[in-house]
Amino acid sequence: MLNNLTGWHVLVILGVLATMALVVVAIIVVVIRLVRKNVRHPVTSSPDPVEQIRRLAQLRDEGLLSETEYEAKRAELVGRI
């Protein structure tokens, strides 16, 4: 049966296969985008400002924050209380 195929037939078959491959890739791309869009990111509640001030003080005491940086962030957090 395959012996009777002419060059034209082979081109048609290759075209159909290429088209089918493109359709499959397009479907996969659409599915991946839909899955990513529907992924629910966990809602994180904002941390307690008092606990954040404690952590900032610890960072300041360890020398990772300057006094100026600490006071600026602390003032921001105190405003949330």
C-alpha atoms as a PDB file:
ATOM      1  CA  MET A   1       0.000   0.000   0.000  1.00  0.00           C
ATOM      2  CA  LEU A   2       2.795   2.436   0.880  1.00  0.00           C
ATOM      3  CA  ASN A   3       4.520   1.613  -2.417  1.00  0.00           C
ATOM      4  CA  ASN A   4       1.770   3.421  -4.336  1.00  0.00           C
ATOM      5  CA  LEU A   5       2.322   6.786  -2.603  1.00  0.00           C
ATOM      6  CA  THR A   6       3.572   9.553  -4.815  1.00  0.00           C
ATOM      7  CA  GLY A   7       5.516  12.615  -3.683  1.00  0.00           C
ATOM      8  CA  TRP A   8       2.285  14.587  -3.549  1.00  0.00           C
ATOM      9  CA  HIS A   9       0.668  12.065  -1.212  1.00  0.00           C
ATOM     10  CA  VAL A  10       3.673  12.170   1.109  1.00  0.00           C
ATOM     11  CA  LEU A  11       3.518  15.962   1.242  1.00  0.00           C
ATOM     12  CA  VAL A  12      -0.181  15.873   2.100  1.00  0.00           C
ATOM     13  CA  ILE A  13       0.409  13.313   4.859  1.00  0.00           C
ATOM     14  CA  LEU A  14       3.306  15.349   6.280  1.00  0.00           C
ATOM     15  CA  GLY A  15       1.165  18.503   6.174  1.00  0.00           C
ATOM     16  CA  VAL A  16      -1.655  16.789   8.031  1.00  0.00           C
ATOM     17  CA  LEU A  17       0.762  15.446  10.652  1.00  0.00           C
ATOM     18  CA  ALA A  18       2.377  18.864  11.111  1.00  0.00           C
ATOM     19  CA  THR A  19      -1.031  20.490  11.495  1.00  0.00           C
ATOM     20  CA  MET A  20      -2.075  17.901  14.059  1.00  0.00           C
ATOM     21  CA  ALA A  21       1.155  18.490  15.988  1.00  0.00           C
ATOM     22  CA  LEU A  22       0.513  22.251  16.035  1.00  0.00           C
ATOM     23  CA  VAL A  23      -3.036  21.710  17.297  1.00  0.00           C
ATOM     24  CA  VAL A  24      -1.775  19.448  20.092  1.00  0.00           C
ATOM     25  CA  VAL A  25       0.852  22.009  21.117  1.00  0.00           C
ATOM     26  CA  ALA A  26      -1.754  24.784  21.084  1.00  0.00           C
ATOM     27  CA  ILE A  27      -4.075  22.715  23.290  1.00  0.00           C
ATOM     28  CA  ILE A  28      -1.251  22.032  25.742  1.00  0.00           C
ATOM     29  CA  VAL A  29      -0.365  25.735  25.914  1.00  0.00           C
ATOM     30  CA  VAL A  30      -3.993  26.694  26.566  1.00  0.00           C
ATOM     31  CA  VAL A  31      -4.355  24.050  29.283  1.00  0.00           C
ATOM     32  CA  ILE A  32      -1.129  25.179  31.004  1.00  0.00           C
ATOM     33  CA  ARG A  33      -2.277  28.804  30.959  1.00  0.00           C
ATOM     34  CA  LEU A  34      -5.680  27.876  32.382  1.00  0.00           C
ATOM     35  CA  VAL A  35      -4.101  25.816  35.138  1.00  0.00           C
ATOM     36  CA  ARG A  36      -1.697  28.616  36.062  1.00  0.00           C
ATOM     37  CA  LYS A  37      -4.520  31.150  36.037  1.00  0.00           C
ATOM     38  CA  ASN A  38      -6.670  29.026  38.334  1.00  0.00           C
ATOM     39  CA  VAL A  39      -3.948  28.244  40.853  1.00  0.00           C
ATOM     40  CA  ARG A  40      -5.019  29.742  44.116  1.00  0.00           C
ATOM     41  CA  HIS A  41      -2.269  31.476  45.968  1.00  0.00           C
ATOM     42  CA  PRO A  42      -2.675  31.181  49.700  1.00  0.00           C
ATOM     43  CA  VAL A  43      -3.806  34.389  51.279  1.00  0.00           C
ATOM     44  CA  THR A  44      -1.312  35.370  53.882  1.00  0.00           C
ATOM     45  CA  SER A  45      -2.588  37.538  56.631  1.00  0.00           C
ATOM     46  CA  SER A  46      -0.450  40.511  57.411  1.00  0.00           C
ATOM     47  CA  PRO A  47       1.864  39.748  60.290  1.00  0.00           C
ATOM     48  CA  ASP A  48       1.201  41.271  63.668  1.00  0.00           C
ATOM     49  CA  PRO A  49       2.890  44.715  63.763  1.00  0.00           C
ATOM     50  CA  VAL A  50       4.030  44.162  67.359  1.00  0.00           C
ATOM     51  CA  GLU A  51       5.757  40.914  66.372  1.00  0.00           C
ATOM     52  CA  GLN A  52       7.336  42.665  63.396  1.00  0.00           C
ATOM     53  CA  ILE A  53       8.704  45.392  65.682  1.00  0.00           C
ATOM     54  CA  ARG A  54      10.214  42.682  67.893  1.00  0.00           C
ATOM     55  CA  ARG A  55      11.848  41.077  64.852  1.00  0.00           C
ATOM     56  CA  LEU A  56      13.149  44.470  63.716  1.00  0.00           C
ATOM     57  CA  ALA A  57      14.662  45.080  67.145  1.00  0.00           C
ATOM     58  CA  GLN A  58      16.365  41.710  66.954  1.00  0.00           C
ATOM     59  CA  LEU A  59      17.783  42.556  63.515  1.00  0.00           C
ATOM     60  CA  ARG A  60      18.987  45.906  64.861  1.00  0.00           C
ATOM     61  CA  ASP A  61      20.583  44.233  67.890  1.00  0.00           C
ATOM     62  CA  GLU A  62      22.360  41.784  65.578  1.00  0.00           C
ATOM     63  CA  GLY A  63      23.712  44.688  63.559  1.00  0.00           C
ATOM     64  CA  LEU A  64      21.760  43.861  60.417  1.00  0.00           C
ATOM     65  CA  LEU A  65      19.742  47.092  60.553  1.00  0.00           C
ATOM     66  CA  SER A  66      20.973  50.555  61.357  1.00  0.00           C
ATOM     67  CA  GLU A  67      19.239  52.582  64.060  1.00  0.00           C
ATOM     68  CA  THR A  68      17.847  54.889  61.372  1.00  0.00           C
ATOM     69  CA  GLU A  69      16.411  51.983  59.375  1.00  0.00           C
ATOM     70  CA  TYR A  70      14.943  50.491  62.531  1.00  0.00           C
ATOM     71  CA  GLU A  71      13.267  53.731  63.615  1.00  0.00           C
ATOM     72  CA  ALA A  72      11.807  54.387  60.158  1.00  0.00           C
ATOM     73  CA  LYS A  73      10.276  50.930  59.892  1.00  0.00           C
ATOM     74  CA  ARG A  74       9.184  50.958  63.528  1.00  0.00           C
ATOM     75  CA  ALA A  75       7.328  54.251  62.986  1.00  0.00           C
ATOM     76  CA  GLU A  76       5.563  52.734  59.977  1.00  0.00           C
ATOM     77  CA  LEU A  77       4.524  49.690  61.985  1.00  0.00           C
ATOM     78  CA  VAL A  78       3.395  51.707  64.985  1.00  0.00           C
ATOM     79  CA  GLY A  79       1.104  53.587  62.607  1.00  0.00           C
ATOM     80  CA  ARG A  80      -0.643  50.298  61.789  1.00  0.00           C
ATOM     81  CA  ILE A  81      -1.486  49.545  65.418  1.00  0.00           C
END
